[in-house]
Amino acid sequence: MLTLANARILTMDASLTEYANGWVRIEGDTITAIGEGTPPEGGEVIDMGGDLVMPGMVNSHCHMTMTLFRGLGEDVDDRLFRYVLPLERECVTPRTVAIGSRLAALEMIRAGVTTVADMYYFETEVGRVIDESGMRGVVGQTLADFDAPDHKSFDEGFALTQELVDMFAGHSRVTPSIAPHAPYSTDIPVMRRVAEFSDAHPDIPVQLHMAEMVSENEWAEKNYGLRPVQVVDKAGLLKPGLIAAHCLFVTDGDMDRMAQQDVRVAHNARSNAKAGRGISPVEAMRKRGIPVGIATDGPMSGNTLDLFSQFGPVSMFQKLLGQSRKPMPTVDVVRMATIEAARVLGLDKKVGSLEPGKQADVIRIKLDDPRVLPVYDIYSTLVFAAMPSDVHDVMVAGRWLMREREVLSLEAPKVIADALQVAGEFNARIAEIDRRKA
C-alpha cells in the first residue's frame, strides 16, 4: 500500500475535482482512495512537497520507430521519396523498430506520457518495447499497398496482425490493434476486410489516417466521387471506436456522420501545421460530441513526442479559426491530453483520470521554476508555460517508471547509444543516395 500525500491534485474526473492539499492511496496497480488533508494511516507514505499530481498523459497517435528519422531532410522538398521511403524499405527491420521505439519510450516517460497509440511496421517489436518500458499502449500493425518493410501483400499484413493479437491477447497494458494506413493506401476492398476483422474481434481497436491531405481528397473524388470520410463509410469502417488520425478536411456532414457512428479523433496540430496542411476543426467536432485526443504524430513529422509541445498549437490554432481568445480554453486542452484521449483509445474506464478503481497511472509535476510562476490558473500554466523537464516522477499501474527525473525502466545510455548507431547507418545510406542523385 502506498500513499502520495501533500499534493496539489488534478483528478480530471467528470467534475474536474481538485484538491489543494490532497492524497492518493494506491494498492497494487489500482487507485483505491483520494482525499483532502491528512491521509489515512498505513503503508508507505511519500510526501509530494505540494507538487502537482495528475493523471499520466495519453498520446493518441504516434509512430514511435520514427524517432530515428527525426530532423532528417527537413528542408528537402521531396524528402519522403528521396530519403524516407528508401530508408524504410532497406533499413527498417525488427532491430531498428525496437531501437527507435525504446528511444521514443524514453522520451515519453521523461515527458509524463504514460499511454501511447502507435501504428507502424513490425509492431510486435513495438509491443515488446512498451511492455519492457512499463508504459501502456495500443499497438497497431500497419497495412498499406506501398512497399512496406514487413509485408508485400495484404494477406501477409493480416497475418502479422493476427500474430500481434495472439501475442498480446489479455495483456494488462498492451492492447493489439489493426491499422489500415489510410483510405488511399488500402482502398475499399481492404477496408471492408478490416471492418470484417473488427466485427470478429470487437476488442481490437482500428486506427486509420483519415482526411489528412488535399491529395487524399483528390483521390477520393477521382475514384469514387466522394470525400475520404464517405469512402471510409462506404467501406463499412466508419464504425464505433474507430481511431481516426488528423481529420483536417471534414465537412459539417462528415462530422455529423462521425458523431453518429461514435468515431474518435487523434488531433496532430503541430505536425499538421509543420507540413502546411491546415487546421483541423476540433471545436466543431467536440461540440458534436466527438471525442478528440491530443497526439504528436511521428517524430519525423512533429519532431517531439511530449504533449507539452502540442498544447500551445492545439489551443492557438482554434483561436485563430475563431478569431477570438474564447475557443479551446486551456482546461479543455488538458482534458484532451488525459481523460478525453483515453476515451479516444477506449481506455477511459481504466486511465485518464485519478479515481478510485482506476489504474494508478500518475505523474508528478514540479511548479517551482521561474518560467511557470506565479500560478493563477493551473490549466493555463500547464498549457502555455510547463515543459517536459517539469515532470519529475512517473508511475504506471502502480510501478515507478521515473523518480526525480531518473528513468528506472530503461537503460537510458544504452537506448541513446543504440539509436545513434542506427543514425550513423542511416547517414551512410543518405550519403549514398545523394551521390547517386548528384
Protein backbone atom coordinates (compact mmCIF):
# COMPACT_ATOMS: atom_id res chain seq x y z
CA MET A 1 0.00 0.00 0.00
CA LEU A 2 1.31 3.45 -1.00
CA THR A 3 0.00 6.96 -0.32
CA LEU A 4 1.10 10.04 -2.23
CA ALA A 5 0.47 12.85 0.26
CA ASN A 6 0.73 16.65 0.48
CA ALA A 7 -0.04 17.11 -3.22
CA ARG A 8 -1.98 19.53 -5.36
CA ILE A 9 -4.20 17.10 -7.25
CA LEU A 10 -5.95 17.44 -10.60
CA THR A 11 -8.18 14.39 -10.87
CA MET A 12 -9.57 15.17 -14.38
CA ASP A 13 -12.74 13.34 -13.36
CA ALA A 14 -16.15 14.35 -14.73
CA SER A 15 -16.43 17.17 -12.19
CA LEU A 16 -12.80 18.27 -12.61
CA THR A 17 -12.32 17.75 -8.88
CA GLU A 18 -9.19 19.36 -7.46
CA TYR A 19 -7.52 19.03 -4.07
CA ALA A 20 -5.28 21.83 -2.82
CA ASN A 21 -3.66 19.56 -0.20
CA GLY A 22 -4.62 16.09 -1.23
CA TRP A 23 -3.54 12.47 -1.11
CA VAL A 24 -3.89 9.43 -3.37
CA ARG A 25 -3.87 5.90 -1.98
CA ILE A 26 -2.62 3.10 -4.25
CA GLU A 27 -2.81 -0.64 -3.66
CA GLY A 28 -1.02 -2.77 -6.21
CA ASP A 29 -1.80 -1.29 -9.62
CA THR A 30 -5.01 0.45 -8.57
CA ILE A 31 -6.07 3.76 -7.01
CA THR A 32 -8.24 2.91 -4.02
CA ALA A 33 -8.96 6.32 -2.48
CA ILE A 34 -8.38 10.05 -2.92
CA GLY A 35 -8.94 12.76 -0.38
CA GLU A 36 -8.03 16.12 1.14
CA GLY A 37 -5.88 16.86 4.16
CA THR A 38 -4.32 14.25 6.42
CA PRO A 39 -4.10 10.86 4.67
CA PRO A 40 -5.22 7.66 6.37
CA GLU A 41 -2.57 5.69 8.21
CA GLY A 42 -0.94 2.54 6.91
CA GLY A 43 1.59 1.60 4.31
CA GLU A 44 4.31 3.75 2.76
CA VAL A 45 3.68 7.49 2.56
CA ILE A 46 5.57 9.69 0.10
CA ASP A 47 5.44 13.45 0.64
CA MET A 48 4.89 15.19 -2.69
CA GLY A 49 6.01 18.51 -1.24
CA GLY A 50 3.00 20.40 -2.58
CA ASP A 51 3.81 19.44 -6.19
CA LEU A 52 1.13 18.79 -8.79
CA VAL A 53 -0.14 15.21 -9.08
CA MET A 54 -2.32 14.40 -12.10
CA PRO A 55 -3.14 11.54 -14.46
CA GLY A 56 -0.45 10.40 -16.86
CA MET A 57 -0.86 11.91 -20.31
CA VAL A 58 -2.18 9.97 -23.31
CA ASN A 59 -0.61 10.36 -26.77
CA SER A 60 -3.40 9.22 -29.08
CA HIS A 61 -1.41 8.82 -32.33
CA CYS A 62 2.27 8.11 -32.85
CA HIS A 63 4.86 6.28 -34.96
CA MET A 64 7.44 5.55 -32.28
CA THR A 65 10.11 3.99 -34.50
CA MET A 66 10.37 7.21 -36.47
CA THR A 67 12.43 8.82 -33.72
CA LEU A 68 15.23 7.50 -35.94
CA PHE A 69 14.03 9.82 -38.74
CA ARG A 70 13.73 12.91 -36.55
CA GLY A 71 15.09 16.02 -38.29
CA LEU A 72 16.08 14.10 -41.40
CA GLY A 73 15.94 16.16 -44.60
CA GLU A 74 13.73 18.85 -43.06
CA ASP A 75 14.34 21.37 -45.85
CA VAL A 76 14.29 18.89 -48.75
CA ASP A 77 11.04 19.17 -50.71
CA ASP A 78 10.99 15.53 -51.81
CA ARG A 79 12.40 14.05 -48.61
CA LEU A 80 9.65 11.41 -48.42
CA PHE A 81 10.58 9.86 -51.75
CA ARG A 82 14.27 10.79 -51.73
CA TYR A 83 15.12 9.56 -48.23
CA VAL A 84 12.32 8.26 -46.04
CA LEU A 85 10.72 5.59 -48.21
CA PRO A 86 14.07 4.14 -49.39
CA LEU A 87 15.33 4.08 -45.79
CA GLU A 88 12.15 2.38 -44.62
CA ARG A 89 12.34 -0.26 -47.35
CA GLU A 90 16.02 -1.00 -46.83
CA CYS A 91 16.79 -0.22 -43.19
CA VAL A 92 13.62 -0.72 -41.14
CA THR A 93 13.91 -4.15 -39.52
CA PRO A 94 12.75 -5.65 -36.22
CA ARG A 95 16.07 -4.45 -34.75
CA THR A 96 15.66 -0.82 -35.84
CA VAL A 97 11.99 -0.80 -34.81
CA ALA A 98 12.93 -1.93 -31.30
CA ILE A 99 15.76 0.63 -31.06
CA GLY A 100 13.64 3.54 -32.30
CA SER A 101 10.72 2.54 -30.09
CA ARG A 102 12.94 2.45 -26.99
CA LEU A 103 14.15 5.96 -27.75
CA ALA A 104 10.52 7.06 -28.10
CA ALA A 105 9.51 5.37 -24.85
CA LEU A 106 12.40 7.04 -23.02
CA GLU A 107 11.37 10.44 -24.37
CA MET A 108 7.70 9.98 -23.50
CA ILE A 109 8.30 8.71 -19.98
CA ARG A 110 10.50 11.73 -19.29
CA ALA A 111 7.63 13.94 -20.51
CA GLY A 112 4.87 12.37 -18.43
CA VAL A 113 3.25 10.38 -21.26
CA THR A 114 2.10 7.08 -19.81
CA THR A 115 -0.10 5.77 -22.66
CA VAL A 116 0.53 5.86 -26.41
CA ALA A 117 -1.29 4.68 -29.52
CA ASP A 118 1.25 3.55 -32.10
CA MET A 119 0.95 2.35 -35.67
CA TYR A 120 3.92 1.18 -37.72
CA TYR A 121 5.65 -1.95 -39.00
CA PHE A 122 6.97 -5.00 -37.11
CA GLU A 123 4.54 -3.90 -34.43
CA THR A 124 5.15 -6.94 -32.25
CA GLU A 125 8.54 -5.33 -31.52
CA VAL A 126 6.82 -2.09 -30.52
CA GLY A 127 4.55 -4.04 -28.19
CA ARG A 128 7.55 -5.73 -26.58
CA VAL A 129 9.23 -2.36 -26.02
CA ILE A 130 6.11 -0.85 -24.46
CA ASP A 131 5.85 -3.86 -22.17
CA GLU A 132 9.55 -3.65 -21.27
CA SER A 133 9.37 0.10 -20.61
CA GLY A 134 6.36 -0.25 -18.31
CA MET A 135 4.22 2.09 -20.42
CA ARG A 136 0.68 1.43 -21.56
CA GLY A 137 -0.05 1.28 -25.28
CA VAL A 138 -2.33 0.49 -28.18
CA VAL A 139 -0.08 -1.04 -30.84
CA GLY A 140 -1.34 -1.15 -34.42
CA GLN A 141 0.05 -3.27 -37.24
CA THR A 142 0.03 -1.04 -40.32
CA LEU A 143 -1.47 -2.33 -43.57
CA ALA A 144 -0.57 -0.47 -46.76
CA ASP A 145 -0.32 -1.04 -50.50
CA PHE A 146 3.03 0.73 -50.91
CA ASP A 147 6.29 -1.14 -50.42
CA ALA A 148 6.07 -1.74 -46.67
CA PRO A 149 9.13 -3.12 -44.87
CA ASP A 150 7.32 -6.05 -43.25
CA HIS A 151 4.69 -7.20 -45.77
CA LYS A 152 4.43 -7.46 -49.54
CA SER A 153 0.73 -8.32 -49.65
CA PHE A 154 -2.33 -7.59 -47.58
CA ASP A 155 -2.59 -11.29 -46.74
CA GLU A 156 0.84 -11.03 -45.12
CA GLY A 157 -0.25 -7.86 -43.33
CA PHE A 158 -3.32 -9.54 -41.88
CA ALA A 159 -1.17 -12.49 -40.79
CA LEU A 160 1.13 -10.07 -38.94
CA THR A 161 -1.93 -8.51 -37.31
CA GLN A 162 -3.10 -11.90 -36.11
CA GLU A 163 0.37 -12.61 -34.72
CA LEU A 164 0.21 -9.30 -32.83
CA VAL A 165 -3.25 -10.12 -31.47
CA ASP A 166 -2.15 -13.57 -30.36
CA MET A 167 0.98 -12.23 -28.68
CA PHE A 168 -0.75 -9.58 -26.56
CA ALA A 169 -4.23 -11.02 -26.02
CA GLY A 170 -5.25 -10.31 -22.45
CA HIS A 171 -2.18 -8.21 -21.68
CA SER A 172 -2.86 -5.73 -18.89
CA ARG A 173 -1.04 -2.79 -20.55
CA VAL A 174 -0.54 -3.60 -24.25
CA THR A 175 -3.61 -3.61 -26.49
CA PRO A 176 -3.14 -5.04 -30.01
CA SER A 177 -4.71 -3.08 -32.85
CA ILE A 178 -5.16 -3.24 -36.62
CA ALA A 179 -4.10 -0.13 -38.53
CA PRO A 180 -5.01 0.27 -42.20
CA HIS A 181 -2.76 3.15 -43.20
CA ALA A 182 -5.28 5.40 -44.97
CA PRO A 183 -8.18 5.15 -47.44
CA TYR A 184 -5.93 5.85 -50.46
CA SER A 185 -3.28 3.30 -49.41
CA THR A 186 -5.69 0.45 -48.72
CA ASP A 187 -8.85 1.18 -50.78
CA ILE A 188 -12.37 -0.04 -50.15
CA PRO A 189 -11.88 -3.83 -50.53
CA VAL A 190 -9.16 -3.90 -47.87
CA MET A 191 -11.06 -1.54 -45.56
CA ARG A 192 -14.06 -3.86 -45.87
CA ARG A 193 -11.84 -6.74 -44.88
CA VAL A 194 -10.59 -4.72 -41.89
CA ALA A 195 -14.21 -3.99 -40.94
CA GLU A 196 -14.98 -7.72 -41.04
CA PHE A 197 -11.89 -8.41 -38.91
CA SER A 198 -13.09 -5.77 -36.46
CA ASP A 199 -16.55 -7.33 -36.30
CA ALA A 200 -14.94 -10.68 -35.49
CA HIS A 201 -12.58 -9.09 -32.93
CA PRO A 202 -14.63 -6.34 -31.22
CA ASP A 203 -11.94 -5.78 -28.58
CA ILE A 204 -9.30 -4.94 -31.19
CA PRO A 205 -9.19 -1.19 -31.94
CA VAL A 206 -8.86 0.10 -35.51
CA GLN A 207 -6.51 3.02 -36.24
CA LEU A 208 -6.57 4.94 -39.54
CA HIS A 209 -5.21 8.16 -41.04
CA MET A 210 -8.29 9.94 -42.41
CA ALA A 211 -8.99 13.22 -44.26
CA GLU A 212 -5.38 14.30 -43.81
CA MET A 213 -4.27 15.69 -47.19
CA VAL A 214 -5.54 17.52 -50.27
CA SER A 215 -4.23 14.66 -52.41
CA GLU A 216 -6.42 12.27 -50.38
CA ASN A 217 -9.47 14.40 -51.22
CA GLU A 218 -8.48 14.30 -54.88
CA TRP A 219 -8.07 10.52 -54.79
CA ALA A 220 -11.49 10.03 -53.20
CA GLU A 221 -13.18 12.38 -55.70
CA LYS A 222 -11.46 10.87 -58.73
CA ASN A 223 -12.14 7.24 -57.80
CA TYR A 224 -15.50 7.43 -56.06
CA GLY A 225 -16.94 10.92 -56.41
CA LEU A 226 -16.87 11.08 -52.62
CA ARG A 227 -14.91 12.61 -49.76
CA PRO A 228 -12.47 10.48 -47.70
CA VAL A 229 -14.87 10.14 -44.75
CA GLN A 230 -17.58 8.98 -47.16
CA VAL A 231 -15.22 6.43 -48.71
CA VAL A 232 -14.42 5.02 -45.26
CA ASP A 233 -18.16 4.92 -44.53
CA LYS A 234 -18.87 3.17 -47.84
CA ALA A 235 -16.32 0.53 -46.85
CA GLY A 236 -18.15 -0.05 -43.56
CA LEU A 237 -15.18 1.09 -41.50
CA LEU A 238 -16.70 4.32 -40.16
CA LYS A 239 -17.84 2.49 -37.07
CA PRO A 240 -17.93 2.90 -33.28
CA GLY A 241 -14.47 3.11 -31.76
CA LEU A 242 -12.58 3.93 -34.97
CA ILE A 243 -9.46 5.95 -34.04
CA ALA A 244 -9.17 8.44 -36.90
CA ALA A 245 -5.96 10.46 -37.01
CA HIS A 246 -5.81 14.03 -38.37
CA CYS A 247 -9.31 14.72 -39.81
CA LEU A 248 -8.38 18.11 -41.28
CA PHE A 249 -10.64 18.05 -44.30
CA VAL A 250 -14.04 17.21 -42.85
CA THR A 251 -17.33 18.92 -43.72
CA ASP A 252 -20.29 19.51 -41.44
CA GLY A 253 -21.89 16.44 -42.96
CA ASP A 254 -18.75 14.39 -42.36
CA MET A 255 -18.64 15.45 -38.73
CA ASP A 256 -22.34 14.72 -38.22
CA ARG A 257 -21.83 11.21 -39.58
CA MET A 258 -18.68 10.70 -37.49
CA ALA A 259 -20.59 11.72 -34.36
CA GLN A 260 -23.45 9.40 -35.26
CA GLN A 261 -21.04 6.49 -35.69
CA ASP A 262 -19.05 7.24 -32.49
CA VAL A 263 -15.78 7.81 -34.34
CA ARG A 264 -12.91 9.16 -32.22
CA VAL A 265 -10.23 11.58 -33.43
CA ALA A 266 -6.50 11.89 -32.72
CA HIS A 267 -5.53 15.53 -33.30
CA ASN A 268 -1.98 16.29 -34.50
CA ALA A 269 -1.85 20.09 -34.51
CA ARG A 270 1.90 20.51 -34.65
CA SER A 271 2.68 18.03 -37.44
CA ASN A 272 -0.31 19.23 -39.49
CA ALA A 273 0.92 22.83 -39.30
CA LYS A 274 4.55 21.91 -39.90
CA ALA A 275 3.52 20.21 -43.15
CA GLY A 276 1.40 23.23 -44.12
CA ARG A 277 -1.71 21.07 -44.39
CA GLY A 278 -4.16 23.13 -42.37
CA ILE A 279 -6.07 23.26 -39.10
CA SER A 280 -8.48 20.57 -38.00
CA PRO A 281 -11.93 21.86 -36.90
CA VAL A 282 -11.53 20.46 -33.40
CA GLU A 283 -14.01 22.79 -31.72
CA ALA A 284 -16.70 21.85 -34.24
CA MET A 285 -16.05 18.13 -33.74
CA ARG A 286 -16.11 18.32 -29.96
CA LYS A 287 -19.33 20.34 -30.00
CA ARG A 288 -20.89 17.38 -31.80
CA GLY A 289 -19.73 15.04 -29.05
CA ILE A 290 -16.83 13.56 -30.99
CA PRO A 291 -14.03 12.81 -28.52
CA VAL A 292 -10.72 14.33 -29.61
CA GLY A 293 -7.37 13.42 -28.11
CA ILE A 294 -4.10 15.27 -28.47
CA ALA A 295 -1.37 13.44 -30.37
CA THR A 296 2.17 14.05 -31.52
CA ASP A 297 2.19 12.07 -34.78
CA GLY A 298 5.55 10.54 -35.63
CA PRO A 299 8.76 12.38 -34.73
CA MET A 300 9.65 12.64 -38.41
CA SER A 301 6.58 14.87 -38.81
CA GLY A 302 6.24 16.63 -35.45
CA ASN A 303 9.74 16.07 -34.06
CA THR A 304 8.83 15.83 -30.37
CA LEU A 305 6.79 13.19 -28.54
CA ASP A 306 5.84 15.25 -25.49
CA LEU A 307 2.33 16.67 -25.29
CA PHE A 308 3.52 19.97 -23.78
CA SER A 309 4.83 20.86 -27.25
CA GLN A 310 1.36 20.23 -28.65
CA PHE A 311 -0.61 22.23 -26.11
CA GLY A 312 0.09 25.73 -27.42
CA PRO A 313 -0.65 24.89 -31.08
CA VAL A 314 -3.82 22.97 -30.13
CA SER A 315 -5.22 26.00 -28.32
CA MET A 316 -3.87 28.78 -30.52
CA PHE A 317 -4.93 27.27 -33.86
CA GLN A 318 -8.54 27.01 -32.70
CA LYS A 319 -8.37 30.62 -31.51
CA LEU A 320 -7.10 31.61 -34.95
CA LEU A 321 -10.01 29.79 -36.58
CA GLY A 322 -12.45 31.53 -34.24
CA GLN A 323 -10.58 34.86 -34.30
CA SER A 324 -11.04 35.07 -30.55
CA ARG A 325 -9.41 34.06 -27.27
CA LYS A 326 -12.52 32.08 -26.33
CA PRO A 327 -12.16 28.88 -28.39
CA MET A 328 -10.29 25.94 -26.90
CA PRO A 329 -9.85 27.04 -23.27
CA THR A 330 -6.87 25.56 -21.51
CA VAL A 331 -8.94 23.25 -19.30
CA ASP A 332 -10.20 21.55 -22.46
CA VAL A 333 -6.66 21.15 -23.76
CA VAL A 334 -5.63 19.30 -20.58
CA ARG A 335 -8.81 17.24 -20.75
CA MET A 336 -7.88 16.27 -24.34
CA ALA A 337 -4.46 15.12 -23.12
CA THR A 338 -5.88 12.92 -20.37
CA ILE A 339 -9.43 11.61 -19.97
CA GLU A 340 -10.64 12.55 -23.46
CA ALA A 341 -7.63 10.98 -25.15
CA ALA A 342 -8.20 7.87 -23.03
CA ARG A 343 -11.75 7.76 -24.36
CA VAL A 344 -10.44 8.06 -27.92
CA LEU A 345 -8.46 4.87 -27.29
CA GLY A 346 -11.31 3.13 -25.48
CA LEU A 347 -9.33 3.13 -22.22
CA ASP A 348 -11.26 5.74 -20.23
CA LYS A 349 -12.63 3.14 -17.81
CA LYS A 350 -9.04 2.33 -16.82
CA VAL A 351 -6.97 5.51 -17.20
CA GLY A 352 -7.15 9.23 -17.97
CA SER A 353 -8.31 10.42 -14.56
CA LEU A 354 -7.43 9.82 -10.92
CA GLU A 355 -10.41 7.99 -9.44
CA PRO A 356 -10.83 5.01 -7.10
CA GLY A 357 -10.90 1.80 -9.10
CA LYS A 358 -8.78 3.13 -11.95
CA GLN A 359 -5.22 2.16 -12.76
CA ALA A 360 -2.50 4.05 -10.90
CA ASP A 361 -1.08 5.93 -13.89
CA VAL A 362 0.16 9.07 -12.15
CA ILE A 363 2.65 11.85 -12.83
CA ARG A 364 4.22 14.44 -10.52
CA ILE A 365 4.99 17.90 -11.90
CA LYS A 366 7.08 20.47 -10.05
CA LEU A 367 5.89 24.05 -10.45
CA ASP A 368 8.79 25.90 -8.85
CA ASP A 369 10.66 27.05 -11.95
CA PRO A 370 10.57 30.83 -12.54
CA ARG A 371 9.23 30.07 -16.01
CA VAL A 372 5.88 28.87 -14.59
CA LEU A 373 5.41 31.32 -11.72
CA PRO A 374 3.09 32.70 -10.49
CA VAL A 375 0.36 30.09 -10.99
CA TYR A 376 -3.01 31.84 -11.28
CA ASP A 377 -4.67 29.12 -13.36
CA ILE A 378 -3.15 25.65 -13.22
CA TYR A 379 -4.53 24.68 -16.63
CA SER A 380 -3.10 27.78 -18.28
CA THR A 381 0.25 27.08 -16.64
CA LEU A 382 0.30 23.52 -17.97
CA VAL A 383 -0.70 24.56 -21.49
CA PHE A 384 1.40 27.66 -22.04
CA ALA A 385 4.33 27.51 -19.59
CA ALA A 386 5.15 23.99 -18.40
CA MET A 387 7.70 21.77 -20.15
CA PRO A 388 8.71 18.09 -20.06
CA SER A 389 11.57 18.93 -17.69
CA ASP A 390 8.98 19.90 -15.05
CA VAL A 391 7.86 16.24 -14.85
CA HIS A 392 9.78 14.58 -12.03
CA ASP A 393 8.00 11.30 -11.25
CA VAL A 394 6.03 8.90 -13.45
CA MET A 395 4.05 5.84 -12.40
CA VAL A 396 2.13 3.32 -14.50
CA ALA A 397 -0.03 0.61 -12.95
CA GLY A 398 1.46 1.36 -9.54
CA ARG A 399 5.07 0.95 -10.75
CA TRP A 400 7.52 3.84 -10.75
CA LEU A 401 8.95 4.33 -14.25
CA MET A 402 10.75 7.55 -13.30
CA ARG A 403 11.78 9.08 -9.98
CA GLU A 404 13.31 12.54 -9.70
CA ARG A 405 13.95 12.60 -13.49
CA GLU A 406 15.75 9.22 -13.50
CA VAL A 407 14.04 6.67 -15.74
CA LEU A 408 14.08 3.32 -13.94
CA SER A 409 12.54 1.02 -16.54
CA LEU A 410 15.00 1.63 -19.40
CA GLU A 411 18.80 1.95 -19.56
CA ALA A 412 18.99 5.47 -20.96
CA PRO A 413 22.69 5.42 -22.01
CA LYS A 414 22.24 2.18 -23.98
CA VAL A 415 18.97 3.37 -25.54
CA ILE A 416 20.67 6.53 -26.77
CA ALA A 417 23.84 4.75 -27.93
CA ASP A 418 21.84 2.22 -29.94
CA ALA A 419 19.80 4.99 -31.57
CA LEU A 420 22.93 6.94 -32.54
CA GLN A 421 24.43 3.81 -34.06
CA VAL A 422 21.38 3.38 -36.29
CA ALA A 423 21.52 7.08 -37.18
CA GLY A 424 25.08 6.52 -38.37
CA GLU A 425 23.86 3.69 -40.60
CA PHE A 426 21.11 5.95 -41.95
CA ASN A 427 23.64 8.72 -42.63
CA ALA A 428 25.80 6.38 -44.69
CA ARG A 429 22.77 5.39 -46.76
CA ILE A 430 21.73 9.05 -47.18
CA ALA A 431 25.21 9.94 -48.45
CA GLU A 432 24.94 7.12 -50.97
CA ILE A 433 21.53 8.41 -52.15
CA ASP A 434 22.91 11.94 -52.51
CA ARG A 435 25.90 10.71 -54.53
CA ARG A 436 23.60 8.81 -56.86
CA LYS A 437 21.26 11.79 -57.30
CA ALA A 438 24.11 14.30 -57.87
